[in-house]
C-alpha cells in the first residue's frame, strides 16, 4: 500500500482508535496456488493487541492455502468518499480543471496465521469474539460440550492472526492548504451520501495536527 508522508498515521494510537471505533470487518487475503489469484475472504474479526481473532466455515477454500503459507494479510477500509474535480480545483483555476480523487482510511495488517482446531480452543476463541461483538453477554454460554455452540464447533475452524506489521493510511488531502481541506469537508457534509459524513469528520479531525505540506 502506497502511503505518502501526508497520508501516514500520526502514531499507532491513531489507527488503533479507528479500529476500536467499530471498524472490525475486513478482507482476509491468503496466498493461493502459484499462478492462481489469491483467496480473499470478507470477515469480521476481533482485535486483541497484536492478535486478530477470526473463525471461518470449515468448507472455506482458504485452509489448504493457509497450511501451505501462513503469511496472510487483513485489510480494513472505511470512511471513504469520491471527491469530484471541481471541489479540488486550485484557487483561480476553472473548476472543470480540478482533478478528482478518493478519500479513505485503510489499515493493512500483515499476519502469521495459526489454525485453531481443538474444540476447547475454538470455544475460547468464540467467547473472545462474542465479548467484543456482544459485550452485554446476551448470548448462550459458549462451551465445547454444551448446546447450542458445542454441536456447531465441528463446522468451523478458528484463526489466530499474529500481527507482524501494520500499515495505516488516512488519505484526506493533508498536503493541501487548510482552507482547501475545510472547503472540501463542507462539500462532503452538504452532499451527505454514503460515507461522506465520516470522511468529512476524518478530514476535519486532522486539520490542526498535520498542517500544510510543501
N, C-alpha and C. Protein backbone atom coordinates (compact mmCIF):
# COMPACT_ATOMS: atom_id res chain seq x y z
N UNK A 1 0.85 -1.18 0.00
CA UNK A 1 0.00 0.00 0.00
C UNK A 1 0.89 1.24 0.00
N UNK A 2 0.67 2.11 -0.96
CA UNK A 2 1.43 3.36 -1.03
C UNK A 2 0.92 4.32 0.05
N UNK A 3 1.84 4.79 0.89
CA UNK A 3 1.49 5.73 1.94
C UNK A 3 2.42 6.93 1.83
N UNK A 4 1.90 8.07 1.36
CA UNK A 4 2.69 9.29 1.32
C UNK A 4 2.88 9.82 2.75
N UNK A 5 3.91 10.63 2.96
CA UNK A 5 4.10 11.17 4.32
C UNK A 5 2.86 11.87 4.87
N UNK A 6 2.13 12.59 4.01
CA UNK A 6 0.95 13.32 4.49
C UNK A 6 -0.27 12.41 4.72
N UNK A 7 -0.21 11.18 4.21
CA UNK A 7 -1.30 10.22 4.43
C UNK A 7 -1.07 9.35 5.66
N UNK A 8 0.14 9.35 6.19
CA UNK A 8 0.51 8.38 7.21
C UNK A 8 -0.22 8.63 8.52
N UNK A 9 -0.44 7.55 9.25
CA UNK A 9 -0.98 7.67 10.60
C UNK A 9 0.01 8.46 11.46
N UNK A 10 -0.53 9.34 12.29
CA UNK A 10 0.34 10.17 13.12
C UNK A 10 1.11 9.34 14.13
N UNK A 11 0.49 8.26 14.60
CA UNK A 11 1.13 7.33 15.52
C UNK A 11 0.26 6.08 15.57
N UNK A 12 0.73 5.07 16.29
CA UNK A 12 -0.04 3.83 16.37
C UNK A 12 -1.41 4.06 17.02
N UNK A 13 -1.46 5.00 17.95
CA UNK A 13 -2.72 5.22 18.66
C UNK A 13 -3.82 5.69 17.71
N UNK A 14 -3.46 6.41 16.64
CA UNK A 14 -4.48 6.93 15.73
C UNK A 14 -5.22 5.79 15.02
N UNK A 15 -4.47 4.86 14.43
CA UNK A 15 -5.15 3.77 13.73
C UNK A 15 -5.79 2.80 14.72
N UNK A 16 -5.20 2.65 15.90
CA UNK A 16 -5.81 1.78 16.90
C UNK A 16 -7.17 2.31 17.35
N UNK A 17 -7.27 3.63 17.54
CA UNK A 17 -8.56 4.22 17.89
C UNK A 17 -9.57 4.03 16.77
N UNK A 18 -9.10 4.15 15.52
CA UNK A 18 -10.01 3.99 14.39
C UNK A 18 -10.55 2.56 14.32
N UNK A 19 -9.68 1.59 14.50
CA UNK A 19 -10.13 0.18 14.50
C UNK A 19 -11.11 -0.04 15.66
N UNK A 20 -10.79 0.48 16.83
CA UNK A 20 -11.62 0.26 18.01
C UNK A 20 -12.98 0.94 17.90
N UNK A 21 -13.11 1.91 16.99
CA UNK A 21 -14.37 2.65 16.84
C UNK A 21 -15.38 1.90 15.98
N UNK A 22 -15.24 0.59 15.88
CA UNK A 22 -16.22 -0.21 15.16
C UNK A 22 -15.80 -0.64 13.77
N UNK A 23 -14.52 -0.45 13.43
CA UNK A 23 -14.03 -0.89 12.12
C UNK A 23 -13.42 -2.28 12.29
N UNK A 24 -14.28 -3.27 12.36
CA UNK A 24 -13.88 -4.64 12.68
C UNK A 24 -14.34 -5.62 11.62
N UNK A 25 -14.42 -5.15 10.39
CA UNK A 25 -14.76 -6.02 9.26
C UNK A 25 -13.76 -5.72 8.15
N UNK A 26 -13.10 -6.76 7.65
CA UNK A 26 -12.07 -6.54 6.64
C UNK A 26 -12.01 -7.66 5.63
N UNK A 27 -11.00 -7.58 4.80
CA UNK A 27 -10.79 -8.58 3.75
C UNK A 27 -9.50 -9.35 4.06
N UNK A 28 -9.68 -10.63 4.35
CA UNK A 28 -8.55 -11.52 4.59
C UNK A 28 -8.01 -12.00 3.24
N UNK A 29 -6.71 -11.85 3.03
CA UNK A 29 -6.08 -12.23 1.76
C UNK A 29 -5.03 -13.30 2.05
N UNK A 30 -5.18 -14.43 1.36
CA UNK A 30 -4.33 -15.59 1.58
C UNK A 30 -3.68 -15.99 0.27
N UNK A 31 -2.37 -16.23 0.31
CA UNK A 31 -1.66 -16.66 -0.90
C UNK A 31 -2.23 -17.97 -1.39
N UNK A 32 -2.58 -18.00 -2.66
CA UNK A 32 -3.17 -19.21 -3.23
C UNK A 32 -2.13 -20.06 -3.94
N UNK A 33 -2.61 -20.92 -4.81
CA UNK A 33 -1.74 -21.76 -5.62
C UNK A 33 -0.96 -20.88 -6.58
N UNK A 34 0.36 -21.10 -6.72
CA UNK A 34 1.13 -20.29 -7.67
C UNK A 34 0.48 -20.29 -9.04
N UNK A 35 0.38 -19.09 -9.62
CA UNK A 35 -0.24 -18.96 -10.92
C UNK A 35 -1.74 -18.73 -10.87
N UNK A 36 -2.30 -18.77 -9.65
CA UNK A 36 -3.72 -18.54 -9.46
C UNK A 36 -3.92 -17.31 -8.57
N UNK A 37 -5.08 -16.65 -8.64
CA UNK A 37 -5.31 -15.49 -7.79
C UNK A 37 -5.30 -15.86 -6.32
N UNK A 38 -5.00 -14.92 -5.44
CA UNK A 38 -5.08 -15.20 -4.01
C UNK A 38 -6.52 -15.40 -3.57
N UNK A 39 -6.69 -16.07 -2.44
CA UNK A 39 -8.01 -16.20 -1.83
C UNK A 39 -8.32 -14.90 -1.08
N UNK A 40 -9.55 -14.42 -1.21
CA UNK A 40 -9.99 -13.23 -0.48
C UNK A 40 -11.29 -13.56 0.24
N UNK A 41 -11.32 -13.27 1.53
CA UNK A 41 -12.46 -13.65 2.36
C UNK A 41 -12.91 -12.43 3.18
N UNK A 42 -14.10 -11.89 2.92
CA UNK A 42 -14.64 -10.84 3.79
C UNK A 42 -14.99 -11.45 5.15
N UNK A 43 -14.59 -10.79 6.24
CA UNK A 43 -14.84 -11.38 7.55
C UNK A 43 -14.79 -10.35 8.67
N UNK A 44 -15.59 -10.57 9.69
CA UNK A 44 -15.43 -9.85 10.94
C UNK A 44 -14.21 -10.40 11.68
N UNK A 45 -13.65 -9.58 12.55
CA UNK A 45 -12.53 -10.03 13.38
C UNK A 45 -12.60 -9.28 14.71
N UNK A 46 -12.00 -9.87 15.71
CA UNK A 46 -11.83 -9.20 17.00
C UNK A 46 -10.34 -8.94 17.19
N UNK A 47 -10.03 -7.76 17.67
CA UNK A 47 -8.64 -7.36 17.85
C UNK A 47 -8.26 -7.44 19.31
N UNK A 48 -7.14 -8.13 19.59
CA UNK A 48 -6.60 -8.20 20.94
C UNK A 48 -5.13 -7.82 20.88
N UNK A 49 -4.88 -6.53 20.90
CA UNK A 49 -3.50 -6.08 20.82
C UNK A 49 -2.88 -6.44 19.48
N UNK A 50 -1.84 -7.23 19.52
CA UNK A 50 -1.14 -7.64 18.29
C UNK A 50 -1.67 -8.96 17.76
N UNK A 51 -2.90 -9.30 18.09
CA UNK A 51 -3.51 -10.53 17.59
C UNK A 51 -4.93 -10.24 17.12
N UNK A 52 -5.30 -10.83 15.99
CA UNK A 52 -6.66 -10.73 15.47
C UNK A 52 -7.28 -12.12 15.52
N UNK A 53 -8.55 -12.17 15.90
CA UNK A 53 -9.25 -13.45 16.03
C UNK A 53 -10.33 -13.56 14.98
N UNK A 54 -10.32 -14.68 14.24
CA UNK A 54 -11.24 -14.91 13.13
C UNK A 54 -11.72 -16.36 13.21
N UNK A 55 -12.94 -16.61 12.77
CA UNK A 55 -13.34 -18.00 12.51
C UNK A 55 -14.07 -18.04 11.18
N UNK A 56 -13.89 -19.15 10.48
CA UNK A 56 -14.48 -19.33 9.15
C UNK A 56 -15.07 -20.73 9.05
N UNK A 57 -15.97 -20.90 8.12
CA UNK A 57 -16.57 -22.21 7.91
C UNK A 57 -15.53 -23.23 7.46
N UNK A 58 -15.69 -24.43 7.92
CA UNK A 58 -14.73 -25.48 7.55
C UNK A 58 -14.65 -25.72 6.04
N UNK A 59 -15.75 -25.60 5.26
CA UNK A 59 -15.63 -25.80 3.81
C UNK A 59 -14.93 -24.65 3.07
N UNK A 60 -14.58 -23.59 3.77
CA UNK A 60 -13.93 -22.46 3.10
C UNK A 60 -12.66 -22.93 2.40
N UNK A 61 -12.41 -22.49 1.17
CA UNK A 61 -11.24 -22.98 0.43
C UNK A 61 -9.90 -22.44 0.89
N UNK A 62 -9.88 -21.58 1.92
CA UNK A 62 -8.60 -20.98 2.31
C UNK A 62 -7.70 -21.90 3.12
N UNK A 63 -8.25 -22.96 3.70
CA UNK A 63 -7.48 -23.70 4.70
C UNK A 63 -6.22 -24.34 4.14
N UNK A 64 -6.35 -24.98 2.99
CA UNK A 64 -5.16 -25.61 2.40
C UNK A 64 -4.11 -24.56 2.07
N UNK A 65 -4.55 -23.41 1.60
CA UNK A 65 -3.61 -22.34 1.26
C UNK A 65 -2.90 -21.82 2.51
N UNK A 66 -3.63 -21.68 3.62
CA UNK A 66 -3.00 -21.20 4.86
C UNK A 66 -2.02 -22.24 5.40
N UNK A 67 -2.39 -23.50 5.31
CA UNK A 67 -1.47 -24.54 5.76
C UNK A 67 -0.19 -24.54 4.93
N UNK A 68 -0.33 -24.20 3.66
CA UNK A 68 0.84 -24.14 2.78
C UNK A 68 1.66 -22.88 3.03
N UNK A 69 0.99 -21.76 3.30
CA UNK A 69 1.68 -20.49 3.50
C UNK A 69 0.89 -19.68 4.53
N UNK A 70 1.34 -19.66 5.79
CA UNK A 70 0.58 -18.98 6.84
C UNK A 70 0.75 -17.46 6.87
N UNK A 71 1.53 -16.91 5.95
CA UNK A 71 1.68 -15.45 5.90
C UNK A 71 0.50 -14.86 5.14
N UNK A 72 -0.33 -14.07 5.86
CA UNK A 72 -1.58 -13.55 5.30
C UNK A 72 -1.66 -12.05 5.56
N UNK A 73 -2.65 -11.42 4.96
CA UNK A 73 -2.92 -10.00 5.22
C UNK A 73 -4.41 -9.84 5.47
N UNK A 74 -4.73 -8.84 6.29
CA UNK A 74 -6.12 -8.47 6.51
C UNK A 74 -6.21 -6.95 6.42
N UNK A 75 -7.04 -6.47 5.48
CA UNK A 75 -7.15 -5.05 5.23
C UNK A 75 -8.54 -4.55 5.58
N UNK A 76 -8.58 -3.43 6.28
CA UNK A 76 -9.83 -2.79 6.67
C UNK A 76 -9.90 -1.43 5.98
N UNK A 77 -11.01 -1.13 5.33
CA UNK A 77 -11.19 0.14 4.62
C UNK A 77 -12.49 0.78 5.07
N UNK A 78 -12.46 2.09 5.28
CA UNK A 78 -13.68 2.78 5.69
C UNK A 78 -13.56 4.29 5.50
N UNK A 79 -14.60 5.00 5.90
CA UNK A 79 -14.66 6.46 5.83
C UNK A 79 -14.20 6.96 4.46
N UNK A 80 -14.74 6.33 3.40
CA UNK A 80 -14.30 6.67 2.05
C UNK A 80 -15.35 7.50 1.32
N UNK A 81 -14.87 8.27 0.37
CA UNK A 81 -15.76 9.12 -0.43
C UNK A 81 -15.05 9.48 -1.72
N UNK A 82 -15.82 9.63 -2.79
CA UNK A 82 -15.30 10.16 -4.05
C UNK A 82 -15.39 11.68 -4.00
N UNK A 83 -14.29 12.34 -4.36
CA UNK A 83 -14.22 13.80 -4.35
C UNK A 83 -14.12 14.29 -5.78
N UNK A 84 -15.16 14.94 -6.31
CA UNK A 84 -15.14 15.38 -7.71
C UNK A 84 -14.12 16.48 -7.95
N UNK A 85 -13.67 16.56 -9.22
CA UNK A 85 -12.64 17.50 -9.60
C UNK A 85 -12.92 18.96 -9.24
N UNK A 86 -14.11 19.48 -9.49
CA UNK A 86 -14.35 20.89 -9.18
C UNK A 86 -14.10 21.26 -7.72
N UNK A 87 -14.28 20.31 -6.81
CA UNK A 87 -14.02 20.61 -5.40
C UNK A 87 -12.53 20.79 -5.12
N UNK A 88 -11.68 20.25 -5.98
CA UNK A 88 -10.23 20.27 -5.73
C UNK A 88 -9.49 21.25 -6.63
N UNK A 89 -10.21 22.02 -7.41
CA UNK A 89 -9.54 22.98 -8.29
C UNK A 89 -8.81 24.03 -7.46
N UNK A 90 -7.53 24.28 -7.74
CA UNK A 90 -6.81 25.33 -7.00
C UNK A 90 -7.45 26.69 -7.21
N UNK A 91 -7.22 27.57 -6.26
CA UNK A 91 -7.77 28.92 -6.35
C UNK A 91 -7.34 29.57 -7.66
N UNK A 92 -8.30 30.22 -8.32
CA UNK A 92 -8.01 30.90 -9.58
C UNK A 92 -8.01 29.99 -10.79
N UNK A 93 -8.31 28.69 -10.59
CA UNK A 93 -8.35 27.72 -11.68
C UNK A 93 -9.79 27.40 -12.02
N UNK A 94 -10.14 27.26 -13.30
CA UNK A 94 -11.52 26.87 -13.65
C UNK A 94 -11.89 25.57 -12.95
N UNK A 95 -13.08 25.47 -12.38
CA UNK A 95 -13.48 24.25 -11.66
C UNK A 95 -13.33 22.98 -12.48
N UNK A 96 -13.59 23.06 -13.79
CA UNK A 96 -13.50 21.86 -14.63
C UNK A 96 -12.09 21.32 -14.72
N UNK A 97 -11.10 22.11 -14.36
CA UNK A 97 -9.70 21.65 -14.43
C UNK A 97 -9.24 20.99 -13.13
N UNK A 98 -10.13 20.94 -12.15
CA UNK A 98 -9.77 20.22 -10.93
C UNK A 98 -9.69 18.72 -11.18
N UNK A 99 -8.84 18.05 -10.43
CA UNK A 99 -8.61 16.61 -10.62
C UNK A 99 -9.29 15.85 -9.48
N UNK A 100 -10.18 14.90 -9.79
CA UNK A 100 -10.88 14.16 -8.73
C UNK A 100 -9.95 13.20 -8.00
N UNK A 101 -10.41 12.73 -6.86
CA UNK A 101 -9.63 11.76 -6.08
C UNK A 101 -10.57 10.97 -5.18
N UNK A 102 -10.02 10.04 -4.46
CA UNK A 102 -10.76 9.28 -3.45
C UNK A 102 -10.18 9.58 -2.08
N UNK A 103 -11.06 9.74 -1.11
CA UNK A 103 -10.65 9.83 0.29
C UNK A 103 -10.98 8.50 0.95
N UNK A 104 -10.12 8.06 1.88
CA UNK A 104 -10.41 6.83 2.62
C UNK A 104 -9.41 6.65 3.75
N UNK A 105 -9.80 5.81 4.68
CA UNK A 105 -8.88 5.28 5.69
C UNK A 105 -8.69 3.80 5.41
N UNK A 106 -7.45 3.34 5.51
CA UNK A 106 -7.15 1.92 5.31
C UNK A 106 -6.10 1.48 6.32
N UNK A 107 -6.33 0.33 6.90
CA UNK A 107 -5.33 -0.28 7.79
C UNK A 107 -5.07 -1.69 7.28
N UNK A 108 -3.81 -1.96 7.02
CA UNK A 108 -3.42 -3.28 6.49
C UNK A 108 -2.56 -4.00 7.52
N UNK A 109 -3.07 -5.14 7.98
CA UNK A 109 -2.33 -5.97 8.93
C UNK A 109 -1.62 -7.09 8.16
N UNK A 110 -0.33 -7.22 8.35
CA UNK A 110 0.40 -8.39 7.88
C UNK A 110 0.50 -9.35 9.06
N UNK A 111 0.14 -10.61 8.84
CA UNK A 111 -0.03 -11.54 9.96
C UNK A 111 0.57 -12.91 9.66
N UNK A 112 0.86 -13.61 10.73
CA UNK A 112 1.20 -15.03 10.68
C UNK A 112 0.01 -15.79 11.24
N UNK A 113 -0.58 -16.64 10.43
CA UNK A 113 -1.82 -17.31 10.81
C UNK A 113 -1.55 -18.63 11.51
N UNK A 114 -2.34 -18.87 12.55
CA UNK A 114 -2.32 -20.16 13.22
C UNK A 114 -3.74 -20.71 13.26
N UNK A 115 -3.92 -21.90 12.73
CA UNK A 115 -5.24 -22.51 12.68
C UNK A 115 -5.59 -23.12 14.04
N UNK A 116 -6.84 -22.93 14.45
CA UNK A 116 -7.32 -23.44 15.74
C UNK A 116 -8.35 -24.53 15.45
N UNK A 117 -8.05 -25.76 15.86
CA UNK A 117 -8.95 -26.88 15.61
C UNK A 117 -9.45 -27.56 16.88
N UNK A 118 -8.73 -27.42 17.98
CA UNK A 118 -9.17 -28.06 19.21
C UNK A 118 -10.51 -27.46 19.66
N UNK A 119 -11.50 -28.29 19.97
CA UNK A 119 -12.82 -27.77 20.33
C UNK A 119 -12.80 -26.78 21.49
N UNK A 120 -12.02 -27.07 22.52
CA UNK A 120 -11.95 -26.14 23.66
C UNK A 120 -11.34 -24.81 23.24
N UNK A 121 -10.31 -24.88 22.41
CA UNK A 121 -9.67 -23.64 21.96
C UNK A 121 -10.59 -22.85 21.03
N UNK A 122 -11.36 -23.56 20.21
CA UNK A 122 -12.32 -22.85 19.35
C UNK A 122 -13.40 -22.18 20.20
N UNK A 123 -13.86 -22.86 21.23
CA UNK A 123 -14.85 -22.26 22.11
C UNK A 123 -14.29 -21.01 22.77
N UNK A 124 -13.04 -21.06 23.19
CA UNK A 124 -12.42 -19.89 23.81
C UNK A 124 -12.32 -18.74 22.81
N UNK A 125 -11.96 -19.06 21.56
CA UNK A 125 -11.87 -18.02 20.53
C UNK A 125 -13.23 -17.37 20.31
N UNK A 126 -14.29 -18.20 20.24
CA UNK A 126 -15.64 -17.65 20.05
C UNK A 126 -16.06 -16.79 21.24
N UNK A 127 -15.71 -17.20 22.44
CA UNK A 127 -16.05 -16.39 23.62
C UNK A 127 -15.37 -15.02 23.53
N UNK A 128 -14.15 -14.99 23.07
CA UNK A 128 -13.43 -13.73 22.95
C UNK A 128 -14.04 -12.85 21.86
N UNK A 129 -14.44 -13.47 20.76
CA UNK A 129 -15.11 -12.69 19.72
C UNK A 129 -16.45 -12.13 20.22
N UNK A 130 -17.22 -12.96 20.91
CA UNK A 130 -18.51 -12.50 21.40
C UNK A 130 -18.34 -11.43 22.48
N UNK A 131 -17.27 -11.48 23.25
CA UNK A 131 -17.02 -10.43 24.23
C UNK A 131 -16.83 -9.09 23.53
N UNK A 132 -16.32 -9.13 22.31
CA UNK A 132 -16.15 -7.90 21.51
C UNK A 132 -17.46 -7.48 20.87
N UNK A 133 -18.13 -8.42 20.20
CA UNK A 133 -19.30 -8.06 19.39
C UNK A 133 -20.59 -7.99 20.20
N UNK A 134 -20.70 -8.76 21.28
CA UNK A 134 -21.88 -8.74 22.13
C UNK A 134 -21.44 -8.58 23.59
N UNK A 135 -20.88 -7.42 23.93
CA UNK A 135 -20.31 -7.25 25.27
C UNK A 135 -21.35 -7.32 26.39
N UNK A 136 -22.63 -7.17 26.06
CA UNK A 136 -23.67 -7.28 27.09
C UNK A 136 -23.89 -8.72 27.54
N UNK A 137 -23.28 -9.66 26.82
CA UNK A 137 -23.42 -11.06 27.21
C UNK A 137 -24.77 -11.66 26.90
N UNK A 138 -25.46 -11.08 25.93
CA UNK A 138 -26.81 -11.55 25.58
C UNK A 138 -26.75 -12.73 24.63
N UNK A 139 -26.09 -13.78 25.05
CA UNK A 139 -25.95 -14.99 24.24
C UNK A 139 -25.79 -16.19 25.16
N UNK A 140 -26.06 -17.36 24.61
CA UNK A 140 -25.88 -18.59 25.37
C UNK A 140 -24.40 -18.81 25.69
N UNK A 141 -24.15 -19.60 26.72
CA UNK A 141 -22.77 -19.92 27.07
C UNK A 141 -22.10 -20.65 25.91
N UNK A 142 -20.84 -20.30 25.67
CA UNK A 142 -20.08 -20.95 24.59
C UNK A 142 -19.18 -22.00 25.23
N UNK A 143 -19.51 -23.26 25.03
CA UNK A 143 -18.74 -24.36 25.59
C UNK A 143 -18.73 -25.51 24.61
N UNK A 144 -17.63 -26.25 24.61
CA UNK A 144 -17.48 -27.34 23.65
C UNK A 144 -18.43 -28.49 23.92
N UNK A 145 -18.95 -28.57 25.14
CA UNK A 145 -19.80 -29.72 25.49
C UNK A 145 -21.23 -29.32 25.81
N UNK A 146 -21.64 -28.10 25.36
CA UNK A 146 -22.99 -27.64 25.65
C UNK A 146 -23.61 -27.02 24.41
N UNK A 147 -24.92 -27.23 24.22
CA UNK A 147 -25.60 -26.56 23.12
C UNK A 147 -25.79 -25.08 23.47
N UNK A 148 -25.99 -24.23 22.45
CA UNK A 148 -26.09 -24.60 21.04
C UNK A 148 -24.74 -24.63 20.32
N UNK A 149 -23.71 -24.02 20.94
CA UNK A 149 -22.45 -23.86 20.22
C UNK A 149 -21.65 -25.15 20.12
N UNK A 150 -21.74 -26.00 21.14
CA UNK A 150 -20.93 -27.21 21.14
C UNK A 150 -21.09 -28.04 19.90
N UNK A 151 -22.33 -28.23 19.46
CA UNK A 151 -22.57 -29.08 18.29
C UNK A 151 -22.19 -28.38 16.99
N UNK A 152 -21.97 -27.09 17.04
CA UNK A 152 -21.62 -26.34 15.82
C UNK A 152 -20.12 -26.20 15.61
N UNK A 153 -19.34 -26.46 16.64
CA UNK A 153 -17.90 -26.20 16.56
C UNK A 153 -17.20 -27.01 15.47
N UNK A 154 -17.73 -28.20 15.19
CA UNK A 154 -17.09 -29.03 14.16
C UNK A 154 -17.21 -28.40 12.77
N UNK A 155 -18.14 -27.47 12.60
CA UNK A 155 -18.36 -26.86 11.29
C UNK A 155 -17.50 -25.64 11.02
N UNK A 156 -16.66 -25.26 12.00
CA UNK A 156 -15.79 -24.09 11.81
C UNK A 156 -14.36 -24.43 12.17
N UNK A 157 -13.46 -23.56 11.74
CA UNK A 157 -12.07 -23.58 12.20
C UNK A 157 -11.73 -22.15 12.61
N UNK A 158 -10.89 -22.04 13.61
CA UNK A 158 -10.50 -20.71 14.08
C UNK A 158 -9.17 -20.29 13.50
N UNK A 159 -8.93 -18.98 13.57
CA UNK A 159 -7.65 -18.41 13.14
C UNK A 159 -7.17 -17.42 14.18
N UNK A 160 -5.96 -17.61 14.64
CA UNK A 160 -5.28 -16.58 15.41
C UNK A 160 -4.26 -15.93 14.47
N UNK A 161 -4.45 -14.66 14.23
CA UNK A 161 -3.56 -13.93 13.32
C UNK A 161 -2.63 -13.06 14.15
N UNK A 162 -1.37 -13.49 14.25
CA UNK A 162 -0.38 -12.71 14.99
C UNK A 162 0.17 -11.62 14.07
N UNK A 163 -0.06 -10.37 14.44
CA UNK A 163 0.29 -9.23 13.59
C UNK A 163 1.80 -9.00 13.61
N UNK A 164 2.41 -8.99 12.44
CA UNK A 164 3.85 -8.75 12.32
C UNK A 164 4.16 -7.35 11.79
N UNK A 165 3.17 -6.71 11.14
CA UNK A 165 3.39 -5.37 10.61
C UNK A 165 2.03 -4.71 10.38
N UNK A 166 2.00 -3.37 10.52
CA UNK A 166 0.78 -2.62 10.28
C UNK A 166 1.12 -1.42 9.40
N UNK A 167 0.34 -1.23 8.34
CA UNK A 167 0.38 -0.01 7.54
C UNK A 167 -0.97 0.68 7.68
N UNK A 168 -0.95 1.97 7.95
CA UNK A 168 -2.19 2.73 8.09
C UNK A 168 -2.11 3.96 7.20
N UNK A 169 -3.24 4.28 6.57
CA UNK A 169 -3.30 5.40 5.64
C UNK A 169 -4.59 6.18 5.86
N UNK A 170 -4.44 7.49 6.06
CA UNK A 170 -5.57 8.40 6.18
C UNK A 170 -5.46 9.40 5.02
N UNK A 171 -6.14 9.09 3.93
CA UNK A 171 -5.98 9.85 2.68
C UNK A 171 -7.08 10.91 2.57
N UNK A 172 -6.74 12.12 3.00
CA UNK A 172 -7.73 13.21 3.03
C UNK A 172 -7.11 14.54 2.58
N UNK A 173 -6.19 14.47 1.60
CA UNK A 173 -5.60 15.69 1.04
C UNK A 173 -4.84 16.51 2.07
N UNK A 174 -4.17 15.85 3.00
CA UNK A 174 -3.49 16.59 4.06
C UNK A 174 -2.31 17.42 3.56
N UNK A 175 -1.91 17.23 2.30
CA UNK A 175 -0.85 18.06 1.74
C UNK A 175 -1.39 19.36 1.14
N UNK A 176 -2.71 19.52 1.16
CA UNK A 176 -3.33 20.72 0.63
C UNK A 176 -3.49 21.76 1.75
N UNK A 177 -3.66 23.04 1.39
CA UNK A 177 -3.85 24.07 2.41
C UNK A 177 -5.08 23.80 3.28
N UNK A 178 -5.02 24.29 4.50
CA UNK A 178 -6.11 24.09 5.44
C UNK A 178 -7.43 24.61 4.87
N UNK A 179 -7.39 25.76 4.21
CA UNK A 179 -8.61 26.33 3.65
C UNK A 179 -9.24 25.41 2.61
N UNK A 180 -8.40 24.79 1.80
CA UNK A 180 -8.89 23.87 0.78
C UNK A 180 -9.58 22.68 1.42
N UNK A 181 -8.95 22.10 2.43
CA UNK A 181 -9.50 20.90 3.06
C UNK A 181 -10.79 21.22 3.81
N UNK A 182 -10.83 22.38 4.43
CA UNK A 182 -12.04 22.78 5.12
C UNK A 182 -13.21 22.92 4.15
N UNK A 183 -12.92 23.49 2.98
CA UNK A 183 -13.97 23.66 1.97
C UNK A 183 -14.45 22.31 1.45
N UNK A 184 -13.55 21.38 1.21
CA UNK A 184 -13.95 20.06 0.72
C UNK A 184 -14.78 19.33 1.78
N UNK A 185 -14.37 19.44 3.04
CA UNK A 185 -15.16 18.82 4.10
C UNK A 185 -16.57 19.39 4.13
N UNK A 186 -16.70 20.68 3.86
CA UNK A 186 -18.02 21.29 3.78
C UNK A 186 -18.85 20.73 2.64
N UNK A 187 -18.20 20.53 1.48
CA UNK A 187 -18.91 19.92 0.35
C UNK A 187 -19.39 18.51 0.69
N UNK A 188 -18.52 17.73 1.34
CA UNK A 188 -18.89 16.37 1.71
C UNK A 188 -20.07 16.36 2.67
N UNK A 189 -20.02 17.25 3.64
CA UNK A 189 -21.11 17.32 4.62
C UNK A 189 -22.42 17.71 3.95
N UNK A 190 -22.34 18.63 3.01
CA UNK A 190 -23.56 19.06 2.31
C UNK A 190 -24.10 17.96 1.40
N UNK A 191 -23.21 17.23 0.71
CA UNK A 191 -23.67 16.17 -0.19
C UNK A 191 -24.30 15.03 0.61
N UNK A 192 -23.60 14.60 1.68
CA UNK A 192 -24.13 13.64 2.65
C UNK A 192 -24.66 12.37 2.00
N UNK A 193 -23.85 11.76 1.15
CA UNK A 193 -24.17 10.47 0.55
C UNK A 193 -23.18 9.42 1.05
N UNK A 194 -23.65 8.19 1.22
CA UNK A 194 -22.75 7.12 1.61
C UNK A 194 -21.98 7.46 2.87
N UNK A 195 -20.66 7.43 2.78
CA UNK A 195 -19.79 7.71 3.93
C UNK A 195 -19.21 9.11 3.88
N UNK A 196 -19.91 10.04 3.20
CA UNK A 196 -19.43 11.42 3.12
C UNK A 196 -19.21 12.04 4.50
N UNK A 197 -20.17 11.85 5.40
CA UNK A 197 -20.08 12.49 6.72
C UNK A 197 -18.87 12.00 7.51
N UNK A 198 -18.64 10.67 7.64
CA UNK A 198 -17.44 10.26 8.37
C UNK A 198 -16.15 10.63 7.66
N UNK A 199 -16.15 10.68 6.32
CA UNK A 199 -14.95 11.13 5.60
C UNK A 199 -14.65 12.59 5.94
N UNK A 200 -15.69 13.42 5.98
CA UNK A 200 -15.50 14.82 6.35
C UNK A 200 -14.98 14.95 7.78
N UNK A 201 -15.49 14.12 8.67
CA UNK A 201 -15.01 14.17 10.06
C UNK A 201 -13.54 13.81 10.15
N UNK A 202 -13.11 12.80 9.38
CA UNK A 202 -11.70 12.45 9.39
C UNK A 202 -10.85 13.61 8.88
N UNK A 203 -11.30 14.26 7.82
CA UNK A 203 -10.54 15.37 7.26
C UNK A 203 -10.43 16.52 8.27
N UNK A 204 -11.54 16.88 8.88
CA UNK A 204 -11.52 17.98 9.84
C UNK A 204 -10.73 17.63 11.09
N UNK A 205 -10.78 16.35 11.49
CA UNK A 205 -10.06 15.93 12.69
C UNK A 205 -8.56 16.15 12.56
N UNK A 206 -8.04 16.02 11.35
CA UNK A 206 -6.59 16.10 11.15
C UNK A 206 -6.11 17.50 10.75
N UNK A 207 -7.00 18.46 10.64
CA UNK A 207 -6.60 19.78 10.14
C UNK A 207 -5.47 20.41 10.94
N UNK A 208 -5.63 20.48 12.24
CA UNK A 208 -4.65 21.21 13.04
C UNK A 208 -3.48 20.35 13.48
N UNK A 209 -3.49 19.07 13.11
CA UNK A 209 -2.42 18.17 13.52
C UNK A 209 -1.42 17.92 12.41
N UNK A 210 -1.85 18.13 11.17
CA UNK A 210 -0.96 17.89 10.03
C UNK A 210 -0.42 19.20 9.49
N UNK A 211 -1.28 20.19 9.36
CA UNK A 211 -0.84 21.46 8.80
C UNK A 211 -0.61 21.37 7.31
N UNK A 212 0.23 22.23 6.77
CA UNK A 212 0.42 22.34 5.33
C UNK A 212 1.75 21.70 4.92
N UNK A 213 1.66 20.83 3.92
CA UNK A 213 2.86 20.21 3.35
C UNK A 213 3.30 21.03 2.14
N UNK A 214 4.62 21.14 1.97
CA UNK A 214 5.15 21.87 0.81
C UNK A 214 6.13 20.97 0.07
